[in-house]
Amino acid sequence: MPDRPPVLADRTRVPTDRPGVEYEIEKVRLDSTWSRNAIRRLLTDRAEYGGWELMRLRRYRDGSREIWVRRKAVRVRTTW
């Protein structure tokens, strides 16, 4: 795995068609030096420890990849 961390491009919250459900979406851009196995390990760790799920993976001609992951955004409500 390269020494450089992945480039975090964007993190947003997106509402869904279901009321009360929002997703956090994170877009990560990786250059062509990352191996397929290293990316698999990165995504596995994010899924296992961060609760992220793969939404989209796009590979460009130059070998770079753009990965979109999402997880449910938890809203905290006061009870008093």
Protein backbone atom coordinates (compact mmCIF):
# COMPACT_ATOMS: atom_id res chain seq x y z
CA MET A 1 0.00 0.00 0.00
CA PRO A 2 1.40 3.43 -0.82
CA ASP A 3 2.54 5.67 2.02
CA ARG A 4 0.21 8.44 0.95
CA PRO A 5 -3.31 8.43 2.40
CA PRO A 6 -6.27 8.50 0.01
CA VAL A 7 -7.37 11.90 -1.16
CA LEU A 8 -10.68 12.77 0.43
CA ALA A 9 -12.56 14.71 -2.17
CA ASP A 10 -15.93 15.34 -0.60
CA ARG A 11 -18.25 14.40 2.26
CA THR A 12 -21.91 15.36 2.12
CA ARG A 13 -25.25 14.45 3.68
CA VAL A 14 -28.01 13.46 1.29
CA PRO A 15 -31.69 12.96 2.20
CA THR A 16 -33.49 9.95 0.75
CA ASP A 17 -37.08 9.40 -0.33
CA ARG A 18 -37.75 7.76 3.05
CA PRO A 19 -38.62 10.29 5.76
CA GLY A 20 -36.02 10.61 8.51
CA VAL A 21 -33.28 8.71 6.65
CA GLU A 22 -30.15 10.52 5.53
CA TYR A 23 -26.90 9.16 4.18
CA GLU A 24 -23.40 10.51 4.57
CA ILE A 25 -21.60 10.14 1.25
CA GLU A 26 -17.83 10.27 0.98
CA LYS A 27 -15.98 10.50 -2.31
CA VAL A 28 -12.37 9.24 -2.34
CA ARG A 29 -9.94 9.65 -5.24
CA LEU A 30 -7.02 7.18 -5.50
CA ASP A 31 -4.22 7.40 -8.03
CA SER A 32 -2.90 4.54 -10.14
CA THR A 33 -0.15 3.55 -7.67
CA TRP A 34 -2.71 1.82 -5.44
CA SER A 35 -2.98 -1.90 -6.13
CA ARG A 36 -6.31 -3.69 -6.39
CA ASN A 37 -5.54 -5.62 -3.21
CA ALA A 38 -4.71 -2.45 -1.26
CA ILE A 39 -7.99 -0.85 -2.31
CA ARG A 40 -9.87 -3.97 -1.28
CA ARG A 41 -8.26 -3.83 2.17
CA LEU A 42 -9.05 -0.12 2.49
CA LEU A 43 -12.72 -0.64 1.62
CA THR A 44 -12.99 -3.69 3.88
CA ASP A 45 -11.63 -1.74 6.84
CA ARG A 46 -13.98 1.17 6.17
CA ALA A 47 -16.94 -1.20 5.99
CA GLU A 48 -16.01 -3.19 9.07
CA TYR A 49 -14.96 -0.39 11.42
CA GLY A 50 -16.70 2.69 10.04
CA GLY A 51 -20.01 1.30 8.83
CA TRP A 52 -19.44 2.47 5.24
CA GLU A 53 -20.82 0.59 2.23
CA LEU A 54 -19.66 0.82 -1.36
CA MET A 55 -21.96 2.93 -3.49
CA ARG A 56 -19.97 3.44 -6.69
CA LEU A 57 -16.49 2.74 -8.01
CA ARG A 58 -15.27 4.36 -11.20
CA ARG A 59 -11.95 3.56 -12.87
CA TYR A 60 -10.44 6.00 -15.34
CA ARG A 61 -8.14 5.35 -18.31
CA ASP A 62 -5.10 6.67 -16.47
CA GLY A 63 -5.59 4.00 -13.77
CA SER A 64 -6.94 6.30 -11.08
CA ARG A 65 -10.12 5.38 -9.25
CA GLU A 66 -12.97 7.36 -7.75
CA ILE A 67 -14.79 5.56 -4.96
CA TRP A 68 -18.09 6.64 -3.41
CA VAL A 69 -19.05 5.10 -0.06
CA ARG A 70 -22.08 5.84 2.10
CA ARG A 71 -23.44 5.20 5.59
CA LYS A 72 -26.58 6.17 7.39
CA ALA A 73 -26.32 9.50 9.15
CA VAL A 74 -27.46 9.28 12.75
CA ARG A 75 -29.43 12.23 14.05
CA VAL A 76 -29.49 12.79 17.77
CA ARG A 77 -32.75 14.12 19.17
CA THR A 78 -33.30 15.49 22.62
CA THR A 79 -35.74 13.54 24.78
CA TRP A 80 -36.76 16.24 27.22
